[in-house]
Protein backbone atom coordinates (compact mmCIF):
# COMPACT_ATOMS: atom_id res chain seq x y z
CA MET A 1 0.00 0.00 0.00
CA ALA A 2 2.54 2.54 1.13
CA LYS A 3 5.60 2.98 -1.04
CA ALA A 4 8.69 1.20 0.20
CA LYS A 5 11.06 3.54 1.95
CA THR A 6 14.41 4.23 0.37
CA LYS A 7 17.08 2.65 2.56
CA LEU A 8 18.77 5.43 4.45
CA PRO A 9 22.49 5.42 5.29
CA ARG A 10 23.28 4.39 8.84
CA ARG A 11 23.32 7.25 11.31
CA GLY A 12 26.76 8.18 12.49
CA LYS A 13 27.34 8.59 16.21
CA THR A 14 27.43 12.37 15.88
CA GLN A 15 24.19 12.52 13.91
CA ARG A 16 22.39 10.17 16.31
CA SER A 17 23.65 12.17 19.28
CA LEU A 18 22.26 15.36 17.76
CA GLU A 19 18.89 13.70 17.12
CA GLU A 20 18.78 12.32 20.65
CA GLY A 21 19.31 15.84 21.93
CA HIS A 22 16.01 16.80 20.33
CA ILE A 23 14.05 13.54 20.71
CA GLY A 24 15.28 12.37 24.10
CA TYR A 25 17.65 9.72 25.48
CA GLU A 26 16.95 6.15 26.54
CA THR A 27 17.11 5.49 30.28
CA THR A 28 18.46 2.02 31.09
CA ASP A 29 19.45 2.42 34.76
CA TRP A 30 16.16 3.26 36.44
CA SER A 31 17.54 2.80 39.96
CA SER A 32 19.45 6.07 39.60
CA ILE A 33 16.38 8.16 38.66
CA SER A 34 14.82 10.33 41.36
CA ALA A 35 11.07 10.27 42.03
CA ASP A 36 10.72 13.84 40.72
CA ASP A 37 12.30 12.94 37.36
CA TYR A 38 10.73 9.49 36.96
CA GLN A 39 7.69 10.39 34.82
CA LYS A 40 9.78 12.76 32.71
CA LYS A 41 12.28 9.97 31.95
CA ILE A 42 9.47 7.54 31.08
CA THR A 43 8.05 10.01 28.55
CA GLU A 44 11.51 10.77 27.12
CA THR A 45 12.42 7.07 26.78
CA MET A 46 9.12 6.26 25.03
CA ARG A 47 9.70 9.09 22.57
CA HIS A 48 13.22 7.74 21.98
CA TYR A 49 11.92 4.22 21.24
CA GLY A 50 9.17 5.53 18.96
CA TYR A 51 11.68 7.50 16.87
CA PHE A 52 14.73 5.22 16.66
CA TYR A 53 13.12 1.74 16.49
CA GLU A 54 10.68 -0.13 14.24
CA LYS A 55 8.29 -3.12 14.27
CA LYS A 56 10.92 -5.87 14.51
CA ALA A 57 12.36 -4.34 17.66
CA TYR A 58 8.89 -3.93 19.16
CA GLN A 59 8.17 -7.63 18.55
CA SER A 60 11.46 -8.76 20.13
CA TRP A 61 10.85 -6.62 23.25
CA MET A 62 7.33 -7.98 23.60
CA LEU A 63 8.51 -11.59 23.17
CA ALA A 64 11.22 -11.13 25.81
CA TRP A 65 8.66 -9.63 28.21
CA ILE A 66 6.16 -12.46 27.59
CA LYS A 67 8.86 -15.12 28.13
CA LYS A 68 9.79 -13.54 31.46
CA ASN A 69 6.32 -12.73 32.81
CA MET A 70 3.91 -15.07 30.99
CA PRO A 71 5.95 -18.01 29.64
CA GLU A 72 2.80 -20.11 29.21
CA SER A 73 1.47 -17.54 26.69
CA VAL A 74 4.45 -17.51 24.29
CA GLU A 75 2.65 -19.58 21.63
CA ASN A 76 -0.42 -17.34 21.81
CA PHE A 77 1.84 -14.31 21.34
CA LYS A 78 3.51 -15.86 18.29
CA ALA A 79 0.08 -16.66 16.78
CA ALA A 80 -1.07 -13.03 16.97
CA GLU A 81 -0.55 -10.68 14.02
CA SER A 82 2.75 -8.79 14.23
CA TRP A 83 1.13 -5.38 13.70
CA ARG A 84 -0.63 -5.73 17.05
CA CYS A 85 2.69 -4.99 18.82
CA THR A 86 2.21 -1.23 19.08
CA SER A 87 5.06 1.12 19.91
CA THR A 88 3.43 2.28 23.17
CA MET A 89 2.78 -1.21 24.53
CA SER A 90 6.20 -2.54 23.44
CA SER A 91 8.02 0.47 24.90
CA LEU A 92 6.38 -0.06 28.29
CA CYS A 93 7.50 -3.71 28.22
CA LYS A 94 11.05 -2.74 27.22
CA MET A 95 11.33 -0.21 30.05
CA GLU A 96 10.01 -2.74 32.55
CA LEU A 97 12.61 -5.27 31.40
CA ASN A 98 15.25 -2.61 32.12
CA GLY A 99 13.99 -2.21 35.69
CA CYS A 100 11.48 0.61 35.34
CA VAL A 101 8.62 0.56 37.86
CA LEU A 102 5.62 1.68 35.81
CA PRO A 103 2.97 3.98 37.31
CA GLU A 104 -0.27 2.16 38.12
CA SER A 105 -2.19 3.73 35.23
CA SER A 106 0.57 2.82 32.73
CA LYS A 107 0.68 -0.72 34.10
CA ASP A 108 -3.10 -1.07 33.69
CA PHE A 109 -2.81 0.24 30.12
CA GLN A 110 -0.01 -2.24 29.37
CA LEU A 111 -1.76 -5.31 30.81
CA LYS A 112 -5.06 -4.48 29.10
CA HIS A 113 -3.48 -4.39 25.64
CA VAL A 114 -1.23 -7.41 26.28
CA GLU A 115 -4.28 -9.47 27.28
CA GLU A 116 -6.13 -8.39 24.12
CA LEU A 117 -3.14 -9.38 21.97
CA LEU A 118 -2.79 -12.79 23.66
CA GLU A 119 -6.53 -13.47 23.36
CA THR A 120 -6.34 -12.78 19.63
CA GLY A 121 -3.40 -15.17 19.31
CA LYS A 122 -5.32 -17.82 21.26
CA VAL A 123 -8.31 -17.53 18.90
CA ASN A 124 -6.00 -17.78 15.89
CA ARG A 125 -4.44 -20.95 17.30
CA GLU A 126 -7.73 -22.60 18.22
CA SER A 127 -9.25 -21.96 14.81
CA ASN A 128 -6.54 -24.13 13.21
CA VAL A 129 -6.48 -27.00 15.76
CA GLN A 130 -8.02 -30.44 15.08
CA LEU A 131 -8.25 -33.22 17.71
CA ASP A 132 -7.88 -36.99 17.27
CA ASP A 133 -9.83 -39.70 19.15
CA ASN A 134 -7.68 -39.11 22.24
CA ASP A 135 -8.32 -35.36 22.16
CA GLU A 136 -4.72 -34.80 21.15
CA PRO A 137 -4.00 -31.96 18.70
CA VAL A 138 -3.40 -33.08 15.13
CA LYS A 139 -1.33 -30.87 12.90
CA ALA A 140 -3.07 -31.35 9.59
CA PRO A 141 -3.71 -28.95 6.73
CA LYS A 142 -7.12 -27.43 7.00
CA ARG A 143 -8.97 -26.05 4.02
CA LYS A 144 -9.86 -22.47 4.74
CA THR A 145 -13.41 -21.25 4.32
CA PRO A 146 -14.19 -18.13 2.26
CA HIS A 147 -14.86 -16.34 5.55
CA GLU A 148 -11.40 -17.26 6.88
CA LEU A 149 -9.72 -16.23 3.63
CA LEU A 150 -11.47 -12.87 3.74
CA ALA A 151 -10.48 -12.48 7.40
CA GLU A 152 -6.83 -13.09 6.44
CA LYS A 153 -7.01 -10.48 3.69
CA THR A 154 -8.62 -8.06 6.13
CA ASN A 155 -5.83 -8.60 8.67
CA GLU A 156 -3.22 -8.04 5.95
CA PHE A 157 -5.05 -4.91 4.83
CA ILE A 158 -5.19 -3.47 8.36
CA GLY A 159 -1.51 -4.36 8.73
CA GLU A 160 -0.75 -2.26 5.65
CA ILE A 161 -2.75 0.61 7.12
CA GLU A 162 -0.76 0.30 10.35
CA GLY A 163 2.39 0.75 8.25
CA CYS A 164 0.91 3.99 6.94
CA VAL A 165 0.06 5.03 10.51
CA ASP A 166 3.74 4.56 11.38
CA ASP A 167 4.68 6.68 8.35
CA PHE A 168 2.21 9.32 9.54
CA PHE A 169 4.06 9.55 12.88
CA THR A 170 7.50 9.76 11.27
CA GLY A 171 6.36 12.26 8.62
CA ASP A 172 7.11 9.84 5.74
CA LEU A 173 3.48 9.46 4.61
CA ASP A 174 2.74 11.08 1.24
CA LYS A 175 0.53 14.12 1.83
CA ASP A 176 -1.73 13.01 -1.05
CA TRP A 177 -2.17 9.49 0.36
CA SER A 178 -5.82 8.47 0.70
CA LEU A 179 -7.24 5.24 2.09
CA TYR A 180 -10.22 5.62 -0.26
CA ASP A 181 -7.88 5.63 -3.27
CA GLU A 182 -6.03 2.56 -1.97
CA MET A 183 -9.25 0.59 -1.46
CA ARG A 184 -10.41 1.61 -4.91
CA LYS A 185 -7.12 0.45 -6.50
CA GLN A 186 -7.23 -2.90 -4.69
CA ASN A 187 -10.99 -3.35 -5.21
CA THR A 188 -11.24 -4.08 -1.51
CA ALA A 189 -14.21 -6.12 -0.28
CA ALA A 190 -16.96 -4.08 1.38
CA GLN A 191 -16.75 -6.38 4.43
CA THR A 192 -13.06 -5.57 4.78
CA ALA A 193 -13.96 -1.87 4.82
CA ARG A 194 -16.59 -2.54 7.52
CA ASP A 195 -14.11 -4.51 9.62
CA THR A 196 -11.57 -1.70 9.22
CA ILE A 197 -14.15 0.77 10.53
CA SER A 198 -14.82 -1.50 13.53
CA TYR A 199 -11.10 -1.75 14.29
CA TYR A 200 -10.37 1.98 14.12
CA ALA A 201 -13.65 3.01 15.79
CA GLY A 202 -12.16 1.76 19.05
CA VAL A 203 -8.97 3.72 18.45
CA LYS A 204 -10.97 6.85 17.63
CA GLU A 205 -13.08 6.54 20.78
CA GLU A 206 -9.94 6.02 22.86
CA LEU A 207 -8.40 9.18 21.39
CA ARG A 208 -11.62 11.12 21.91
CA GLU A 209 -11.63 10.05 25.56
CA LEU A 210 -7.96 11.05 25.82
CA ILE A 211 -8.49 14.53 24.34
CA GLU A 212 -11.90 15.42 25.78
CA ASP A 213 -12.17 13.46 29.05
CA LYS A 214 -8.42 13.27 29.77
CA THR A 215 -8.76 9.82 31.34
CA GLU A 216 -5.77 9.25 33.60
CA ASP A 217 -4.52 5.92 32.20
CA LEU A 218 -4.85 7.19 28.62
CA VAL A 219 -2.99 10.40 29.45
CA GLU A 220 -0.19 8.25 30.85
CA GLY A 221 -0.26 5.86 27.89
CA TYR A 222 -0.05 8.68 25.33
CA SER A 223 2.28 10.92 27.35
CA HIS A 224 4.99 10.55 24.69
CA MET A 225 2.78 12.63 22.35
CA THR A 226 2.05 16.33 22.68
CA ILE A 227 -1.58 17.50 22.81
CA LYS A 228 -1.20 18.85 19.27
CA GLU A 229 0.10 15.48 18.06
CA GLN A 230 -2.77 13.69 19.80
CA LYS A 231 -5.33 15.89 18.02
CA LYS A 232 -3.61 15.39 14.65
CA PHE A 233 -3.66 11.63 15.23
CA TYR A 234 -7.38 11.81 16.11
CA ASP A 235 -8.10 13.69 12.85
CA PHE A 236 -6.05 11.14 10.88
CA ILE A 237 -7.96 8.17 12.35
CA SER A 238 -11.28 9.96 11.74
CA GLU A 239 -10.32 10.42 8.08
CA LEU A 240 -9.53 6.70 7.77
CA ILE A 241 -13.00 5.80 9.04
CA SER A 242 -14.67 8.41 6.81
CA ASP A 243 -12.87 7.05 3.73
CA CYS A 244 -14.06 3.52 4.58
CA GLU A 245 -17.66 4.72 4.89
CA LYS A 246 -17.47 6.55 1.57
CA PHE A 247 -15.95 3.49 -0.09
CA ILE A 248 -18.78 1.25 1.17
CA ILE A 249 -21.38 3.64 -0.25
CA SER A 250 -19.45 3.81 -3.54
CA LYS A 251 -19.13 0.01 -3.65
CA LYS A 252 -22.85 -0.39 -3.12
CA ALA A 253 -23.64 2.16 -5.82
CA THR A 254 -21.47 0.46 -8.45
CA ARG A 255 -22.80 -3.02 -7.73
CA LYS A 256 -24.55 -4.20 -10.86
CA PRO A 257 -28.29 -4.77 -10.43
CA ARG A 258 -29.96 -8.06 -11.27
CA THR A 259 -31.92 -7.51 -14.45
CA LYS A 260 -34.45 -9.72 -16.20
CA LYS A 261 -33.36 -11.01 -19.58
CA ALA A 262 -36.76 -10.10 -21.00
CA THR A 263 -36.18 -6.38 -20.37
CA PRO A 264 -32.73 -5.31 -21.61
CA LEU A 265 -32.40 -1.93 -19.91
CA SER A 266 -28.95 -1.34 -21.39
CA LYS A 267 -30.50 -0.20 -24.66
CA GLN A 268 -32.46 2.53 -22.88
CA VAL A 269 -29.37 3.99 -21.26
CA GLU A 270 -26.65 3.25 -23.81
CA ASN A 271 -26.49 6.93 -24.83
CA VAL A 272 -26.57 8.41 -21.32
CA LEU A 273 -23.67 10.80 -20.66
CA TYR A 274 -22.68 10.77 -16.99
CA LEU A 275 -19.66 10.85 -14.68
CA LYS A 276 -18.84 7.34 -13.48
CA GLU A 277 -16.70 8.45 -10.55
CA SER A 278 -15.49 11.64 -8.85
CA LEU A 279 -12.17 11.35 -7.01
CA GLU A 280 -12.57 14.91 -5.75
CA TYR A 281 -15.73 14.05 -3.79
CA LYS A 282 -14.93 10.31 -3.40
CA ILE A 283 -18.24 9.17 -4.89
CA ALA A 284 -19.28 6.88 -7.73
CA SER A 285 -22.38 6.82 -9.92
CA VAL A 286 -25.10 4.25 -9.62
CA THR A 287 -25.33 2.29 -12.89
CA PRO A 288 -27.68 4.16 -15.29
CA GLU A 289 -29.85 1.04 -15.73
CA GLN A 290 -31.14 1.54 -12.19
CA MET A 291 -32.76 4.86 -13.14
CA VAL A 292 -35.31 3.07 -15.32
CA GLY A 293 -38.37 2.33 -13.19
CA ALA A 294 -37.09 4.26 -10.15
CA HIS A 295 -39.48 6.61 -8.35
CA ALA A 296 -36.95 9.20 -7.15
CA LEU A 297 -33.26 9.95 -7.56
CA TYR A 298 -30.49 12.40 -6.71
CA LEU A 299 -28.16 13.83 -9.37
CA PHE A 300 -25.04 15.83 -8.44
CA ASN A 301 -23.14 18.03 -10.89
CA THR A 302 -19.50 18.07 -9.72
CA LYS A 303 -18.69 21.15 -11.81
CA THR A 304 -21.54 23.46 -10.69
CA ARG A 305 -22.14 21.81 -7.27
CA VAL A 306 -25.86 21.65 -8.06
CA MET A 307 -27.90 18.77 -6.60
CA LYS A 308 -31.11 17.75 -8.39
CA TYR A 309 -33.89 15.77 -6.73
CA LEU A 310 -36.27 14.18 -9.23
CA VAL A 311 -39.61 12.52 -8.40
CA SER A 312 -41.45 10.33 -10.90
CA ASP A 313 -45.09 11.01 -11.79
CA ARG A 314 -45.53 7.54 -13.34
CA ARG A 315 -46.57 4.34 -11.54
CA ASP A 316 -43.84 2.46 -13.43
CA GLY A 317 -41.19 5.05 -12.61
CA PHE A 318 -38.78 6.93 -14.85
CA LEU A 319 -38.01 6.36 -18.52
CA VAL A 320 -34.67 7.31 -20.04
CA LYS A 321 -34.10 8.54 -23.58
CA GLY A 322 -30.67 9.76 -24.58
CA SER A 323 -29.40 11.81 -21.63
CA THR A 324 -32.84 12.95 -20.48
CA ILE A 325 -35.05 11.39 -17.81
CA HIS A 326 -38.74 11.30 -18.72
CA GLY A 327 -41.77 10.95 -16.49
CA TYR A 328 -40.72 13.28 -13.68
CA ASP A 329 -43.01 15.52 -11.61
CA GLN A 330 -42.03 19.12 -12.38
CA GLU A 331 -43.73 20.49 -9.23
CA GLU A 332 -42.24 18.01 -6.76
CA SER A 333 -38.78 17.94 -8.34
CA PHE A 334 -36.27 20.72 -7.57
CA LYS A 335 -32.58 21.62 -7.39
CA LYS A 336 -30.23 23.48 -5.05
CA MET A 337 -26.60 24.59 -5.10
CA LEU A 338 -24.54 23.04 -2.29
CA ARG A 339 -22.15 25.19 -0.28
CA LYS A 340 -20.68 22.13 1.48
CA PRO A 341 -21.19 19.24 -0.95
CA GLU A 342 -19.27 16.63 1.08
CA ALA A 343 -21.60 16.88 4.09
CA MET A 344 -24.81 16.67 2.03
CA ILE A 345 -23.46 13.84 -0.14
CA GLU A 346 -22.63 11.83 2.98
CA THR A 347 -26.10 12.48 4.46
CA ILE A 348 -27.89 11.38 1.29
CA GLY A 349 -25.72 8.28 1.02
CA LYS A 350 -26.28 7.10 4.61
CA ALA A 351 -29.70 8.46 5.65
CA THR A 352 -33.16 7.02 5.02
CA LYS A 353 -35.30 8.31 2.14
CA SER A 354 -37.37 10.68 4.29
CA LYS A 355 -34.47 11.94 6.42
CA ALA A 356 -32.26 12.61 3.39
CA LEU A 357 -35.02 14.63 1.69
CA LYS A 358 -35.75 16.54 4.90
CA GLU A 359 -32.07 17.48 5.30
CA PHE A 360 -31.82 18.49 1.63
CA LYS A 361 -34.92 20.72 1.83
CA ALA A 362 -33.60 22.28 5.05
CA LEU A 363 -30.55 23.74 3.29
CA LYS A 364 -30.76 27.53 3.22
CA THR A 365 -29.65 27.85 -0.40
CA LYS A 366 -32.33 28.82 -2.93
CA GLN A 367 -34.63 26.06 -4.20
CA SER A 368 -35.66 26.25 -7.85
CA THR A 369 -37.38 24.19 -10.54
CA THR A 370 -35.21 21.78 -12.45
CA ASP A 371 -34.90 19.98 -15.74
CA ALA A 372 -34.11 16.27 -15.95
CA ARG A 373 -30.99 16.27 -18.10
CA ILE A 374 -27.71 14.54 -17.30
CA ASN A 375 -24.26 15.45 -18.65
CA ARG A 376 -20.63 14.35 -18.39
CA ASP A 377 -20.19 16.18 -15.05
CA THR A 378 -23.20 14.52 -13.40
CA VAL A 379 -22.92 11.74 -10.83
CA ILE A 380 -26.03 9.57 -10.42
CA LEU A 381 -25.77 9.70 -6.64
CA LYS A 382 -28.73 7.71 -5.30
CA ILE A 383 -31.73 5.78 -6.61
CA ILE A 384 -35.00 5.37 -4.68
CA ARG A 385 -37.47 2.68 -5.74
C-alpha cells in the first residue's frame, strides 16, 4: 500500500547524538532516577523508542517480556498478528525489562493491551487445531473457508494501514495518500472496509476520551505525544474511518443490479452521458440502468455543485431517452446549489429516504425548478425505488 522507503544510510554517532538531543535519550538504569524525574524519563524514553526503532524491535521486546512474565502464553503471542505490537505497549514492556517501575495507570494500560493481543493469538491458534480420538492436537492442513480467507485479507489490509500510521508519525506518509484511493485500486471487499471501521472506531473513541475526558490511564499511555500530536492523530484516524464509509457507499452504488433477460435496460441507457466516478468528492455513480423504473433519484453536478432531486409522476417510474429522464413531476422535483457538498453527499448516502429529503430541503440555499438532463459532469448519486 505505502511505497517502500528508500534505505537510508546508517546514522553516524554524531548525527544520532544530535537527534537524541532533540528527541530524548533512553534510560536504562532506572535505579538512579529520582522520584521527581521518573515520569519525565518515562516520557523521554518512550519518545526515543518511537523514533529510533521499528516493528521488529517492538516484537522482540514484547517476546522477551512475555517469556519472562507469561511463559505459558508464548505460543499465543507468536500466533497473533505482528502489527498488534504497538510502539506504546512494546516500549512499556522494554522499560520494565530494564527495571522501570511503571505507574499504576501505565501498568493497567499495558496489561489491558497485552491481554487483548494474547486473546487474539489464542483464537488464531484454536481456529486451526483439530483433535484426534484421544483429544490430542493433530497438525493437519485445513482447508480455509471463504470467511477465513477474507479475514486473512482483512488482517493483511489493516496491517498495511498500520504501516501507513507509522509513516504518519514519522512524517514519511505522502501528503496526497488516501485510504479511499487505496481501497479503490485494490478493489477491496466491502466487508473488509466494515471490519476496518470496527477496528479503528475503538482507536478513535480512545483518542476522543484522551483529548476530551483526559482519562488518567490514557494520558499516561499517550504521554509521549504532545496535545497537538494527539489531536492530529485523532483527525487522521477519523479520516480513515470516513474514507471507509465513503468506499462502502461507492461500492454499493457500483454493484450491478440483477436484471431480467426479457427487459434489456442497457439499450435505454446506452447513450446516457454521466460521470462514473469523482475522485474529488470520493463518490461513484449508480449504474444508469437503475434509473429506469425508479421513483426518485439524486443527481449531483460536480462542476456546478448543483444537486437535483427528481420525483417520478408515473406508476412504473422513470423512462430514459438519450441523456434525459422522462416521467418526472415538475412540481415536486427541484434543485439546489450546495455550499458544502461533502456533508450533504454523505447524508444522502447514509440516511433514510425521508431523512435525506428533509435534510436536503432544510438547506438555506435557494430552491428552484429543475430539468431532468444529465451530462458528463453529473454523478447519479442515489436511486429510490
